[in-house]
């Protein structure tokens, strides 16, 4: 689920305080509905730290939330994000990373490397405070881990999934382009016919629409 930023939210991430400032408000907003559930978000950014999107990846019980790596990175691939930050809350109020939190981060670091996306940090947040894996050097420790270094087959599967996502996104973009082209053509047809009804010559219509007289004739003939 895409999370919309308000006009008061910062769009550039410079430090962990910026991340928490944004996500604290998101948490307080969502807590009105799911106070006892654990939320898992991903923030996608470009190289300069500009926020491209914030996505709610999963909701879980008060103890844990199940995370699938490709669900985490699907939007990152589609939006061409260079860097991501993962954020989740602990409804208990504890800021201590659990073993599950560490394992999840470890796995996501490995997938991010395969996709050439930088997993910058992981924040655990509560309505009042937060902890950054990067700030407490846990991120550096996990980046050295080989526990979840995937075998060749898994790497290939992840890369195939990335190509599939990119292909799907390209198809969506092509569909949008085709629809926009058809919309422009219909508008040009309507304009050409309206001007023709008013007695405007084909040559003058061509000048107005910035196309050739032959193109004007083709537009008119298509509606006959």
N, C-alpha and C. Protein backbone atom coordinates (compact mmCIF):
# COMPACT_ATOMS: atom_id res chain seq x y z
N UNK A 1 0.84 -1.19 0.00
CA UNK A 1 0.00 0.00 0.00
C UNK A 1 0.88 1.24 0.00
N UNK A 2 0.63 2.11 -0.96
CA UNK A 2 1.41 3.34 -1.09
C UNK A 2 1.02 4.33 0.00
N UNK A 3 2.02 4.89 0.69
CA UNK A 3 1.78 5.88 1.75
C UNK A 3 1.98 7.27 1.18
N UNK A 4 0.99 8.12 1.29
CA UNK A 4 1.07 9.47 0.76
C UNK A 4 1.71 10.41 1.77
N UNK A 5 2.67 11.20 1.29
CA UNK A 5 3.28 12.22 2.15
C UNK A 5 2.42 13.47 2.14
N UNK A 6 2.42 14.19 3.25
CA UNK A 6 1.70 15.46 3.32
C UNK A 6 2.61 16.57 2.81
N UNK A 7 2.04 17.74 2.58
CA UNK A 7 2.83 18.87 2.06
C UNK A 7 3.88 19.34 3.07
N UNK A 8 3.70 18.98 4.34
CA UNK A 8 4.65 19.39 5.38
C UNK A 8 5.81 18.41 5.56
N UNK A 9 5.69 17.23 4.97
CA UNK A 9 6.74 16.22 5.11
C UNK A 9 7.94 16.55 4.23
N UNK A 10 9.14 16.30 4.76
CA UNK A 10 10.36 16.50 3.99
C UNK A 10 10.42 15.47 2.87
N UNK A 11 10.99 15.87 1.73
CA UNK A 11 11.13 14.95 0.60
C UNK A 11 12.55 14.42 0.47
N UNK A 12 13.49 15.06 1.14
CA UNK A 12 14.87 14.62 1.10
C UNK A 12 15.29 14.04 2.45
N UNK A 13 15.94 12.90 2.41
CA UNK A 13 16.43 12.25 3.63
C UNK A 13 17.91 12.59 3.79
N UNK A 14 18.24 13.27 4.88
CA UNK A 14 19.64 13.60 5.15
C UNK A 14 20.21 12.79 6.31
N UNK A 15 19.34 12.37 7.23
CA UNK A 15 19.80 11.60 8.38
C UNK A 15 18.63 10.78 8.96
N UNK A 16 18.92 10.01 9.98
CA UNK A 16 17.88 9.14 10.55
C UNK A 16 16.77 9.94 11.24
N UNK A 17 17.09 11.12 11.74
CA UNK A 17 16.05 11.96 12.35
C UNK A 17 14.99 12.35 11.32
N UNK A 18 15.44 12.60 10.08
CA UNK A 18 14.49 12.92 9.00
C UNK A 18 13.55 11.74 8.75
N UNK A 19 14.12 10.54 8.74
CA UNK A 19 13.31 9.33 8.52
C UNK A 19 12.28 9.19 9.64
N UNK A 20 12.73 9.32 10.87
CA UNK A 20 11.82 9.15 12.00
C UNK A 20 10.75 10.22 12.02
N UNK A 21 11.11 11.46 11.69
CA UNK A 21 10.14 12.55 11.67
C UNK A 21 8.96 12.22 10.76
N UNK A 22 9.27 11.64 9.60
CA UNK A 22 8.22 11.26 8.65
C UNK A 22 7.45 10.03 9.13
N UNK A 23 8.19 9.00 9.52
CA UNK A 23 7.56 7.73 9.85
C UNK A 23 6.82 7.76 11.19
N UNK A 24 7.21 8.63 12.08
CA UNK A 24 6.47 8.78 13.34
C UNK A 24 5.05 9.24 13.05
N UNK A 25 4.92 10.21 12.13
CA UNK A 25 3.58 10.69 11.77
C UNK A 25 2.77 9.61 11.06
N UNK A 26 3.44 8.84 10.19
CA UNK A 26 2.76 7.74 9.51
C UNK A 26 2.29 6.71 10.52
N UNK A 27 3.14 6.37 11.49
CA UNK A 27 2.79 5.39 12.53
C UNK A 27 1.61 5.87 13.36
N UNK A 28 1.63 7.11 13.78
CA UNK A 28 0.54 7.64 14.60
C UNK A 28 -0.77 7.64 13.83
N UNK A 29 -0.67 7.90 12.52
CA UNK A 29 -1.86 7.89 11.67
C UNK A 29 -2.43 6.48 11.57
N UNK A 30 -1.56 5.50 11.33
CA UNK A 30 -2.01 4.12 11.12
C UNK A 30 -2.35 3.43 12.44
N UNK A 31 -1.78 3.90 13.53
CA UNK A 31 -2.07 3.31 14.84
C UNK A 31 -3.53 3.49 15.24
N UNK A 32 -4.19 4.48 14.65
CA UNK A 32 -5.60 4.70 14.96
C UNK A 32 -6.44 3.50 14.54
N UNK A 33 -5.92 2.74 13.56
CA UNK A 33 -6.66 1.59 13.04
C UNK A 33 -6.07 0.27 13.56
N UNK A 34 -4.75 0.14 13.49
CA UNK A 34 -4.10 -1.14 13.82
C UNK A 34 -3.04 -0.94 14.90
N UNK A 35 -3.47 -0.54 16.07
CA UNK A 35 -2.53 -0.22 17.13
C UNK A 35 -1.69 -1.42 17.58
N UNK A 36 -2.27 -2.61 17.57
CA UNK A 36 -1.59 -3.78 18.11
C UNK A 36 -0.82 -4.57 17.05
N UNK A 37 -0.77 -4.05 15.83
CA UNK A 37 -0.10 -4.79 14.77
C UNK A 37 1.27 -4.19 14.44
N UNK A 38 2.14 -5.08 14.00
CA UNK A 38 3.47 -4.65 13.57
C UNK A 38 3.39 -4.27 12.10
N UNK A 39 3.87 -3.06 11.77
CA UNK A 39 3.88 -2.56 10.40
C UNK A 39 5.30 -2.64 9.85
N UNK A 40 5.40 -2.94 8.57
CA UNK A 40 6.72 -2.99 7.92
C UNK A 40 6.65 -2.14 6.66
N UNK A 41 7.45 -1.06 6.64
CA UNK A 41 7.45 -0.13 5.50
C UNK A 41 8.81 -0.16 4.80
N UNK A 42 8.81 0.28 3.55
CA UNK A 42 10.07 0.51 2.85
C UNK A 42 10.02 1.90 2.22
N UNK A 43 11.10 2.63 2.38
CA UNK A 43 11.24 3.97 1.78
C UNK A 43 12.22 3.86 0.62
N UNK A 44 11.78 4.22 -0.58
CA UNK A 44 12.65 4.19 -1.75
C UNK A 44 13.14 5.58 -2.09
N UNK A 45 14.42 5.70 -2.41
CA UNK A 45 15.02 7.01 -2.69
C UNK A 45 15.92 6.93 -3.92
N UNK A 46 16.21 8.11 -4.49
CA UNK A 46 17.25 8.15 -5.51
C UNK A 46 18.60 8.36 -4.84
N UNK A 47 19.65 8.53 -5.62
CA UNK A 47 21.00 8.65 -5.05
C UNK A 47 21.16 9.87 -4.16
N UNK A 48 20.40 10.93 -4.44
CA UNK A 48 20.51 12.17 -3.65
C UNK A 48 19.71 12.12 -2.36
N UNK A 49 18.95 11.04 -2.17
CA UNK A 49 18.15 10.93 -0.95
C UNK A 49 16.74 11.47 -1.09
N UNK A 50 16.31 11.75 -2.34
CA UNK A 50 14.94 12.21 -2.56
C UNK A 50 13.99 11.02 -2.48
N UNK A 51 12.93 11.17 -1.70
CA UNK A 51 11.98 10.07 -1.51
C UNK A 51 11.13 9.86 -2.76
N UNK A 52 11.21 8.66 -3.32
CA UNK A 52 10.40 8.30 -4.48
C UNK A 52 9.06 7.70 -4.06
N UNK A 53 9.06 6.99 -2.95
CA UNK A 53 7.83 6.37 -2.46
C UNK A 53 8.03 5.86 -1.04
N UNK A 54 6.92 5.67 -0.35
CA UNK A 54 6.91 4.94 0.92
C UNK A 54 5.82 3.89 0.79
N UNK A 55 6.18 2.64 1.01
CA UNK A 55 5.23 1.54 0.79
C UNK A 55 5.07 0.71 2.06
N UNK A 56 3.83 0.46 2.44
CA UNK A 56 3.55 -0.48 3.53
C UNK A 56 3.59 -1.88 2.93
N UNK A 57 4.60 -2.65 3.33
CA UNK A 57 4.81 -3.97 2.73
C UNK A 57 3.97 -5.04 3.40
N UNK A 58 3.85 -4.95 4.74
CA UNK A 58 3.14 -6.02 5.45
C UNK A 58 2.65 -5.55 6.81
N UNK A 59 1.59 -6.22 7.27
CA UNK A 59 1.07 -6.06 8.63
C UNK A 59 1.15 -7.42 9.31
N UNK A 60 1.53 -7.42 10.59
CA UNK A 60 1.63 -8.70 11.29
C UNK A 60 1.03 -8.65 12.67
N UNK A 61 1.29 -9.69 13.44
CA UNK A 61 0.82 -9.74 14.82
C UNK A 61 1.69 -8.81 15.65
N UNK A 62 1.36 -8.71 16.93
CA UNK A 62 2.17 -7.84 17.79
C UNK A 62 3.58 -8.39 18.00
N UNK A 63 3.80 -9.65 17.64
CA UNK A 63 5.11 -10.27 17.84
C UNK A 63 5.98 -10.25 16.59
N UNK A 64 5.35 -10.36 15.42
CA UNK A 64 6.17 -10.50 14.22
C UNK A 64 5.36 -10.19 12.97
N UNK A 65 6.09 -9.93 11.88
CA UNK A 65 5.46 -9.73 10.59
C UNK A 65 6.26 -10.52 9.56
N UNK A 66 5.55 -11.24 8.69
CA UNK A 66 6.21 -12.08 7.70
C UNK A 66 6.61 -11.26 6.48
N UNK A 67 7.89 -11.32 6.12
CA UNK A 67 8.41 -10.50 5.03
C UNK A 67 8.96 -11.37 3.91
N UNK A 68 8.49 -11.12 2.68
CA UNK A 68 9.04 -11.78 1.50
C UNK A 68 9.97 -10.79 0.79
N UNK A 69 11.24 -11.13 0.61
CA UNK A 69 12.20 -10.19 0.03
C UNK A 69 11.77 -9.55 -1.29
N UNK A 70 11.20 -10.33 -2.21
CA UNK A 70 10.85 -9.74 -3.50
C UNK A 70 9.66 -8.80 -3.38
N UNK A 71 8.80 -8.98 -2.37
CA UNK A 71 7.74 -8.01 -2.13
C UNK A 71 8.33 -6.69 -1.66
N UNK A 72 9.42 -6.78 -0.90
CA UNK A 72 10.09 -5.58 -0.41
C UNK A 72 10.69 -4.79 -1.56
N UNK A 73 11.29 -5.49 -2.51
CA UNK A 73 12.04 -4.81 -3.57
C UNK A 73 11.28 -4.65 -4.88
N UNK A 74 10.07 -5.19 -4.96
CA UNK A 74 9.30 -5.09 -6.20
C UNK A 74 9.10 -3.63 -6.62
N UNK A 75 8.63 -2.81 -5.70
CA UNK A 75 8.38 -1.40 -6.02
C UNK A 75 9.70 -0.67 -6.27
N UNK A 76 10.75 -1.05 -5.53
CA UNK A 76 12.06 -0.42 -5.73
C UNK A 76 12.54 -0.61 -7.17
N UNK A 77 12.34 -1.82 -7.70
CA UNK A 77 12.73 -2.10 -9.08
C UNK A 77 11.86 -1.30 -10.04
N UNK A 78 10.55 -1.29 -9.81
CA UNK A 78 9.63 -0.57 -10.70
C UNK A 78 9.87 0.93 -10.70
N UNK A 79 10.21 1.48 -9.53
CA UNK A 79 10.42 2.93 -9.40
C UNK A 79 11.88 3.33 -9.65
N UNK A 80 12.72 2.33 -9.94
CA UNK A 80 14.13 2.60 -10.21
C UNK A 80 14.82 3.27 -9.02
N UNK A 81 14.51 2.81 -7.83
CA UNK A 81 15.13 3.37 -6.61
C UNK A 81 16.56 2.86 -6.49
N UNK A 82 17.47 3.76 -6.12
CA UNK A 82 18.87 3.40 -5.93
C UNK A 82 19.16 2.98 -4.50
N UNK A 83 18.38 3.54 -3.57
CA UNK A 83 18.61 3.28 -2.14
C UNK A 83 17.27 3.04 -1.45
N UNK A 84 17.27 2.20 -0.43
CA UNK A 84 16.05 1.97 0.34
C UNK A 84 16.38 1.94 1.83
N UNK A 85 15.39 2.31 2.63
CA UNK A 85 15.47 2.20 4.08
C UNK A 85 14.26 1.40 4.53
N UNK A 86 14.47 0.40 5.38
CA UNK A 86 13.33 -0.35 5.90
C UNK A 86 13.02 0.14 7.31
N UNK A 87 11.73 0.20 7.60
CA UNK A 87 11.25 0.72 8.88
C UNK A 87 10.15 -0.19 9.39
N UNK A 88 10.21 -0.56 10.66
CA UNK A 88 9.06 -1.26 11.24
C UNK A 88 8.90 -0.85 12.70
N UNK A 89 7.70 -1.07 13.21
CA UNK A 89 7.41 -0.67 14.59
C UNK A 89 7.33 -1.88 15.51
N UNK A 90 7.53 -1.64 16.78
CA UNK A 90 7.31 -2.65 17.82
C UNK A 90 6.14 -2.17 18.69
N UNK A 91 4.95 -2.77 18.53
CA UNK A 91 3.80 -2.35 19.35
C UNK A 91 4.06 -2.44 20.85
N UNK A 92 5.00 -3.31 21.24
CA UNK A 92 5.32 -3.45 22.67
C UNK A 92 6.02 -2.22 23.23
N UNK A 93 6.57 -1.39 22.34
CA UNK A 93 7.30 -0.21 22.78
C UNK A 93 8.79 -0.45 22.92
N UNK A 94 9.22 -1.71 22.79
CA UNK A 94 10.65 -2.03 22.91
C UNK A 94 11.39 -1.62 21.64
N UNK A 95 12.59 -1.10 21.82
CA UNK A 95 13.42 -0.73 20.67
C UNK A 95 14.58 -1.70 20.47
N UNK A 96 14.57 -2.80 21.19
CA UNK A 96 15.63 -3.80 21.06
C UNK A 96 15.39 -4.68 19.83
N UNK A 97 16.34 -4.74 18.90
CA UNK A 97 16.15 -5.60 17.72
C UNK A 97 16.07 -7.07 18.12
N UNK A 98 15.05 -7.76 17.62
CA UNK A 98 14.91 -9.19 17.90
C UNK A 98 15.80 -9.97 16.94
N UNK A 99 15.96 -11.26 17.20
CA UNK A 99 16.73 -12.10 16.28
C UNK A 99 16.05 -12.15 14.92
N UNK A 100 14.70 -12.13 14.93
CA UNK A 100 13.96 -12.12 13.66
C UNK A 100 14.24 -10.83 12.89
N UNK A 101 14.33 -9.70 13.60
CA UNK A 101 14.65 -8.42 12.95
C UNK A 101 16.02 -8.48 12.28
N UNK A 102 16.98 -9.07 12.99
CA UNK A 102 18.34 -9.17 12.45
C UNK A 102 18.37 -10.10 11.24
N UNK A 103 17.68 -11.24 11.35
CA UNK A 103 17.65 -12.20 10.25
C UNK A 103 16.99 -11.60 9.01
N UNK A 104 15.88 -10.90 9.22
CA UNK A 104 15.18 -10.26 8.09
C UNK A 104 16.10 -9.27 7.39
N UNK A 105 16.79 -8.46 8.18
CA UNK A 105 17.70 -7.46 7.61
C UNK A 105 18.84 -8.13 6.86
N UNK A 106 19.38 -9.19 7.45
CA UNK A 106 20.47 -9.94 6.82
C UNK A 106 20.04 -10.46 5.45
N UNK A 107 18.87 -11.07 5.39
CA UNK A 107 18.34 -11.60 4.12
C UNK A 107 18.14 -10.49 3.09
N UNK A 108 17.58 -9.37 3.54
CA UNK A 108 17.29 -8.27 2.62
C UNK A 108 18.57 -7.62 2.10
N UNK A 109 19.61 -7.60 2.91
CA UNK A 109 20.90 -7.07 2.45
C UNK A 109 21.41 -7.88 1.26
N UNK A 110 21.29 -9.21 1.36
CA UNK A 110 21.77 -10.08 0.28
C UNK A 110 20.98 -9.87 -1.01
N UNK A 111 19.65 -9.77 -0.89
CA UNK A 111 18.81 -9.56 -2.07
C UNK A 111 19.10 -8.19 -2.68
N UNK A 112 19.27 -7.18 -1.84
CA UNK A 112 19.57 -5.83 -2.32
C UNK A 112 20.87 -5.81 -3.13
N UNK A 113 21.85 -6.56 -2.69
CA UNK A 113 23.13 -6.62 -3.41
C UNK A 113 22.95 -7.20 -4.81
N UNK A 114 22.14 -8.25 -4.90
CA UNK A 114 21.90 -8.88 -6.20
C UNK A 114 21.23 -7.89 -7.15
N UNK A 115 20.34 -7.07 -6.61
CA UNK A 115 19.58 -6.11 -7.42
C UNK A 115 20.30 -4.78 -7.60
N UNK A 116 21.51 -4.67 -7.05
CA UNK A 116 22.27 -3.41 -7.11
C UNK A 116 21.51 -2.24 -6.50
N UNK A 117 20.85 -2.51 -5.39
CA UNK A 117 20.15 -1.48 -4.63
C UNK A 117 20.81 -1.40 -3.25
N UNK A 118 21.05 -0.19 -2.79
CA UNK A 118 21.70 -0.01 -1.48
C UNK A 118 20.67 -0.03 -0.36
N UNK A 119 20.78 -1.01 0.53
CA UNK A 119 19.93 -1.03 1.72
C UNK A 119 20.65 -0.20 2.78
N UNK A 120 20.22 1.04 2.93
CA UNK A 120 20.95 2.02 3.73
C UNK A 120 20.83 1.80 5.22
N UNK A 121 19.62 1.47 5.69
CA UNK A 121 19.41 1.39 7.14
C UNK A 121 18.13 0.63 7.43
N UNK A 122 17.97 0.26 8.68
CA UNK A 122 16.74 -0.35 9.19
C UNK A 122 16.41 0.35 10.50
N UNK A 123 15.23 0.95 10.57
CA UNK A 123 14.81 1.64 11.79
C UNK A 123 13.69 0.87 12.47
N UNK A 124 13.79 0.74 13.78
CA UNK A 124 12.67 0.27 14.59
C UNK A 124 12.11 1.50 15.29
N UNK A 125 10.79 1.70 15.18
CA UNK A 125 10.21 2.93 15.71
C UNK A 125 9.05 2.65 16.67
N UNK A 126 8.83 3.60 17.56
CA UNK A 126 7.65 3.64 18.42
C UNK A 126 7.11 5.06 18.31
N UNK A 127 5.94 5.34 18.88
CA UNK A 127 5.43 6.71 18.80
C UNK A 127 6.35 7.75 19.44
N UNK A 128 7.27 7.32 20.30
CA UNK A 128 8.10 8.29 21.02
C UNK A 128 9.58 8.28 20.67
N UNK A 129 10.06 7.20 20.07
CA UNK A 129 11.50 7.13 19.81
C UNK A 129 11.80 6.12 18.70
N UNK A 130 13.09 5.95 18.43
CA UNK A 130 13.49 4.99 17.39
C UNK A 130 14.92 4.52 17.64
N UNK A 131 15.27 3.46 16.94
CA UNK A 131 16.65 3.00 16.94
C UNK A 131 17.05 2.73 15.49
N UNK A 132 18.27 3.08 15.14
CA UNK A 132 18.80 2.88 13.79
C UNK A 132 19.86 1.79 13.82
N UNK A 133 19.70 0.78 12.98
CA UNK A 133 20.71 -0.27 12.90
C UNK A 133 22.06 0.32 12.50
N UNK A 134 22.04 1.34 11.64
CA UNK A 134 23.28 1.97 11.19
C UNK A 134 23.96 2.70 12.34
N UNK A 135 23.17 3.42 13.13
CA UNK A 135 23.74 4.21 14.23
C UNK A 135 24.37 3.34 15.32
N UNK A 136 23.80 2.16 15.54
CA UNK A 136 24.36 1.29 16.59
C UNK A 136 25.34 0.25 16.01
N UNK A 137 25.72 0.46 14.76
CA UNK A 137 26.70 -0.39 14.06
C UNK A 137 26.22 -1.81 13.80
N UNK A 138 24.94 -2.07 14.00
CA UNK A 138 24.41 -3.40 13.70
C UNK A 138 24.36 -3.62 12.19
N UNK A 139 24.12 -2.56 11.45
CA UNK A 139 24.07 -2.67 9.99
C UNK A 139 25.42 -3.13 9.45
N UNK A 140 26.49 -2.56 9.96
CA UNK A 140 27.84 -2.95 9.52
C UNK A 140 28.10 -4.42 9.81
N UNK A 141 27.66 -4.86 10.98
CA UNK A 141 27.84 -6.26 11.36
C UNK A 141 27.10 -7.19 10.41
N UNK A 142 25.86 -6.84 10.10
CA UNK A 142 25.04 -7.68 9.22
C UNK A 142 25.56 -7.66 7.78
N UNK A 143 26.15 -6.55 7.37
CA UNK A 143 26.71 -6.46 6.02
C UNK A 143 27.91 -7.39 5.83
N UNK A 144 28.54 -7.77 6.94
CA UNK A 144 29.67 -8.71 6.88
C UNK A 144 29.22 -10.17 7.00
N UNK A 145 27.95 -10.37 7.33
CA UNK A 145 27.43 -11.72 7.54
C UNK A 145 27.39 -12.51 6.24
N UNK A 146 27.65 -13.82 6.33
CA UNK A 146 27.52 -14.70 5.16
C UNK A 146 26.41 -15.73 5.38
N UNK A 147 25.62 -15.53 6.43
CA UNK A 147 24.57 -16.49 6.79
C UNK A 147 23.57 -16.69 5.67
N UNK A 148 23.20 -15.60 5.00
CA UNK A 148 22.17 -15.70 3.96
C UNK A 148 22.71 -15.41 2.57
N UNK A 149 24.01 -15.59 2.38
CA UNK A 149 24.55 -15.44 1.02
C UNK A 149 23.91 -16.53 0.17
N UNK A 150 23.14 -16.17 -0.85
CA UNK A 150 22.35 -17.17 -1.58
C UNK A 150 23.18 -17.99 -2.56
N UNK A 151 22.81 -19.26 -2.76
CA UNK A 151 23.47 -20.07 -3.76
C UNK A 151 23.13 -19.56 -5.16
N UNK A 152 23.84 -20.07 -6.15
CA UNK A 152 23.70 -19.61 -7.53
C UNK A 152 22.25 -19.65 -8.01
N UNK A 153 21.54 -20.74 -7.69
CA UNK A 153 20.17 -20.90 -8.20
C UNK A 153 19.25 -19.80 -7.68
N UNK A 154 19.42 -19.44 -6.40
CA UNK A 154 18.57 -18.40 -5.82
C UNK A 154 18.88 -17.05 -6.45
N UNK A 155 20.17 -16.79 -6.68
CA UNK A 155 20.57 -15.54 -7.32
C UNK A 155 19.92 -15.42 -8.69
N UNK A 156 19.97 -16.51 -9.46
CA UNK A 156 19.37 -16.50 -10.79
C UNK A 156 17.86 -16.28 -10.72
N UNK A 157 17.22 -16.90 -9.74
CA UNK A 157 15.76 -16.75 -9.59
C UNK A 157 15.39 -15.30 -9.27
N UNK A 158 16.19 -14.68 -8.40
CA UNK A 158 15.92 -13.29 -8.04
C UNK A 158 16.11 -12.38 -9.25
N UNK A 159 17.17 -12.65 -10.04
CA UNK A 159 17.42 -11.82 -11.22
C UNK A 159 16.32 -11.99 -12.27
N UNK A 160 15.80 -13.22 -12.39
CA UNK A 160 14.69 -13.46 -13.32
C UNK A 160 13.45 -12.70 -12.87
N UNK A 161 13.22 -12.69 -11.55
CA UNK A 161 12.08 -11.96 -11.01
C UNK A 161 12.23 -10.46 -11.28
N UNK A 162 13.45 -9.96 -11.16
CA UNK A 162 13.70 -8.54 -11.44
C UNK A 162 13.38 -8.22 -12.90
N UNK A 163 13.83 -9.09 -13.82
CA UNK A 163 13.57 -8.88 -15.24
C UNK A 163 12.07 -8.93 -15.53
N UNK A 164 11.37 -9.83 -14.85
CA UNK A 164 9.92 -9.95 -15.03
C UNK A 164 9.22 -8.67 -14.60
N UNK A 165 9.63 -8.13 -13.44
CA UNK A 165 9.04 -6.89 -12.93
C UNK A 165 9.29 -5.74 -13.91
N UNK A 166 10.55 -5.66 -14.39
CA UNK A 166 10.91 -4.59 -15.33
C UNK A 166 10.10 -4.71 -16.62
N UNK A 167 9.89 -5.95 -17.09
CA UNK A 167 9.12 -6.19 -18.30
C UNK A 167 7.66 -5.77 -18.11
N UNK A 168 7.10 -6.12 -16.96
CA UNK A 168 5.71 -5.74 -16.66
C UNK A 168 5.57 -4.22 -16.61
N UNK A 169 6.56 -3.55 -16.01
CA UNK A 169 6.52 -2.10 -15.92
C UNK A 169 6.62 -1.46 -17.31
N UNK A 170 7.47 -2.04 -18.18
CA UNK A 170 7.61 -1.54 -19.55
C UNK A 170 6.30 -1.67 -20.31
N UNK A 171 5.61 -2.80 -20.10
CA UNK A 171 4.31 -3.01 -20.76
C UNK A 171 3.29 -1.97 -20.30
N UNK A 172 3.32 -1.65 -19.00
CA UNK A 172 2.42 -0.63 -18.45
C UNK A 172 2.71 0.72 -19.08
N UNK A 173 4.00 1.06 -19.20
CA UNK A 173 4.40 2.35 -19.77
C UNK A 173 4.00 2.44 -21.24
N UNK A 174 4.18 1.33 -21.98
CA UNK A 174 3.79 1.31 -23.39
C UNK A 174 2.28 1.49 -23.54
N UNK A 175 1.53 0.85 -22.65
CA UNK A 175 0.08 0.98 -22.68
C UNK A 175 -0.35 2.41 -22.42
N UNK A 176 0.32 3.06 -21.46
CA UNK A 176 0.02 4.46 -21.15
C UNK A 176 0.32 5.35 -22.34
N UNK A 177 1.48 5.10 -22.99
CA UNK A 177 1.89 5.90 -24.14
C UNK A 177 0.89 5.76 -25.28
N UNK A 178 0.44 4.52 -25.52
CA UNK A 178 -0.54 4.27 -26.58
C UNK A 178 -1.85 4.99 -26.29
N UNK A 179 -2.30 4.91 -25.04
CA UNK A 179 -3.55 5.56 -24.64
C UNK A 179 -3.45 7.08 -24.79
N UNK A 180 -2.31 7.64 -24.40
CA UNK A 180 -2.11 9.09 -24.52
C UNK A 180 -2.08 9.52 -25.98
N UNK A 181 -1.46 8.69 -26.84
CA UNK A 181 -1.40 9.00 -28.27
C UNK A 181 -2.80 9.00 -28.88
N UNK A 182 -3.60 7.99 -28.51
CA UNK A 182 -4.97 7.91 -29.02
C UNK A 182 -5.81 9.09 -28.54
N UNK A 183 -5.57 9.50 -27.30
CA UNK A 183 -6.30 10.64 -26.74
C UNK A 183 -5.97 11.92 -27.49
N UNK A 184 -4.65 12.12 -27.79
CA UNK A 184 -4.23 13.31 -28.53
C UNK A 184 -4.81 13.32 -29.94
N UNK A 185 -4.86 12.12 -30.55
CA UNK A 185 -5.38 12.02 -31.91
C UNK A 185 -6.88 12.34 -31.95
N UNK A 186 -7.62 11.84 -30.97
CA UNK A 186 -9.06 12.13 -30.91
C UNK A 186 -9.31 13.62 -30.71
N UNK A 187 -8.48 14.25 -29.88
CA UNK A 187 -8.61 15.68 -29.65
C UNK A 187 -8.31 16.45 -30.93
N UNK A 188 -7.27 16.02 -31.66
CA UNK A 188 -6.92 16.68 -32.93
C UNK A 188 -8.04 16.51 -33.95
N UNK A 189 -8.65 15.31 -33.99
CA UNK A 189 -9.77 15.06 -34.90
C UNK A 189 -10.95 15.97 -34.59
N UNK A 190 -11.28 16.04 -33.31
CA UNK A 190 -12.41 16.88 -32.90
C UNK A 190 -12.15 18.34 -33.22
N UNK A 191 -10.92 18.79 -32.98
CA UNK A 191 -10.56 20.19 -33.26
C UNK A 191 -10.63 20.47 -34.75
N UNK A 192 -10.07 19.56 -35.56
CA UNK A 192 -10.06 19.74 -37.02
C UNK A 192 -11.47 19.82 -37.57
N UNK A 193 -12.35 18.94 -37.12
CA UNK A 193 -13.73 18.94 -37.60
C UNK A 193 -14.50 20.18 -37.15
N UNK A 194 -14.24 20.61 -35.92
CA UNK A 194 -14.91 21.81 -35.42
C UNK A 194 -14.50 23.04 -36.23
N UNK A 195 -13.22 23.12 -36.55
CA UNK A 195 -12.72 24.26 -37.34
C UNK A 195 -13.25 24.19 -38.77
N UNK A 196 -13.33 22.96 -39.31
CA UNK A 196 -13.86 22.78 -40.67
C UNK A 196 -15.31 23.22 -40.74
N UNK A 197 -16.09 22.89 -39.71
CA UNK A 197 -17.50 23.29 -39.65
C UNK A 197 -17.66 24.81 -39.60
N UNK A 198 -16.64 25.48 -39.07
CA UNK A 198 -16.68 26.94 -38.99
C UNK A 198 -16.17 27.61 -40.26
N UNK A 199 -15.82 26.77 -41.25
CA UNK A 199 -15.37 27.31 -42.53
C UNK A 199 -13.89 27.58 -42.62
N UNK A 200 -13.13 27.09 -41.66
CA UNK A 200 -11.67 27.27 -41.70
C UNK A 200 -11.08 26.31 -42.73
N UNK A 201 -10.16 26.80 -43.56
CA UNK A 201 -9.57 25.97 -44.61
C UNK A 201 -8.65 24.91 -44.02
N UNK A 202 -8.43 23.86 -44.81
CA UNK A 202 -7.54 22.78 -44.37
C UNK A 202 -6.13 23.30 -44.13
N UNK A 203 -5.69 24.24 -44.98
CA UNK A 203 -4.34 24.81 -44.82
C UNK A 203 -4.22 25.55 -43.48
N UNK A 204 -5.27 26.31 -43.13
CA UNK A 204 -5.22 27.05 -41.86
C UNK A 204 -5.34 26.11 -40.66
N UNK A 205 -6.14 25.05 -40.81
CA UNK A 205 -6.24 24.05 -39.73
C UNK A 205 -4.89 23.40 -39.50
N UNK A 206 -4.18 23.11 -40.61
CA UNK A 206 -2.85 22.51 -40.51
C UNK A 206 -1.90 23.41 -39.72
N UNK A 207 -2.00 24.73 -39.97
CA UNK A 207 -1.13 25.67 -39.25
C UNK A 207 -1.48 25.71 -37.75
N UNK A 208 -2.78 25.67 -37.47
CA UNK A 208 -3.22 25.71 -36.07
C UNK A 208 -2.77 24.47 -35.31
N UNK A 209 -2.93 23.30 -35.95
CA UNK A 209 -2.57 22.04 -35.30
C UNK A 209 -1.09 21.69 -35.44
N UNK A 210 -0.38 22.50 -36.25
CA UNK A 210 1.05 22.29 -36.48
C UNK A 210 1.32 20.92 -37.10
N UNK A 211 0.49 20.57 -38.10
CA UNK A 211 0.68 19.34 -38.87
C UNK A 211 0.52 19.69 -40.35
N UNK A 212 0.74 18.72 -41.23
CA UNK A 212 0.63 18.98 -42.66
C UNK A 212 -0.84 18.94 -43.10
N UNK A 213 -1.16 19.60 -44.22
CA UNK A 213 -2.53 19.53 -44.75
C UNK A 213 -2.98 18.08 -45.00
N UNK A 214 -2.06 17.23 -45.45
CA UNK A 214 -2.41 15.82 -45.69
C UNK A 214 -2.81 15.13 -44.39
N UNK A 215 -2.11 15.47 -43.32
CA UNK A 215 -2.43 14.89 -42.01
C UNK A 215 -3.81 15.35 -41.56
N UNK A 216 -4.16 16.60 -41.86
CA UNK A 216 -5.50 17.12 -41.53
C UNK A 216 -6.55 16.33 -42.30
N UNK A 217 -6.30 16.10 -43.59
CA UNK A 217 -7.25 15.34 -44.41
C UNK A 217 -7.46 13.93 -43.87
N UNK A 218 -6.36 13.32 -43.41
CA UNK A 218 -6.48 11.97 -42.84
C UNK A 218 -7.32 11.98 -41.57
N UNK A 219 -7.14 13.02 -40.74
CA UNK A 219 -7.93 13.14 -39.51
C UNK A 219 -9.41 13.27 -39.84
N UNK A 220 -9.72 14.08 -40.82
CA UNK A 220 -11.12 14.31 -41.21
C UNK A 220 -11.73 13.04 -41.78
N UNK A 221 -10.97 12.34 -42.62
CA UNK A 221 -11.49 11.12 -43.25
C UNK A 221 -11.75 10.01 -42.24
N UNK A 222 -10.96 9.99 -41.16
CA UNK A 222 -11.13 8.95 -40.14
C UNK A 222 -12.46 9.06 -39.41
N UNK A 223 -13.02 10.25 -39.38
CA UNK A 223 -14.28 10.45 -38.66
C UNK A 223 -15.49 10.37 -39.58
N UNK A 224 -15.24 10.21 -40.85
CA UNK A 224 -16.37 10.15 -41.80
C UNK A 224 -16.99 8.75 -41.85
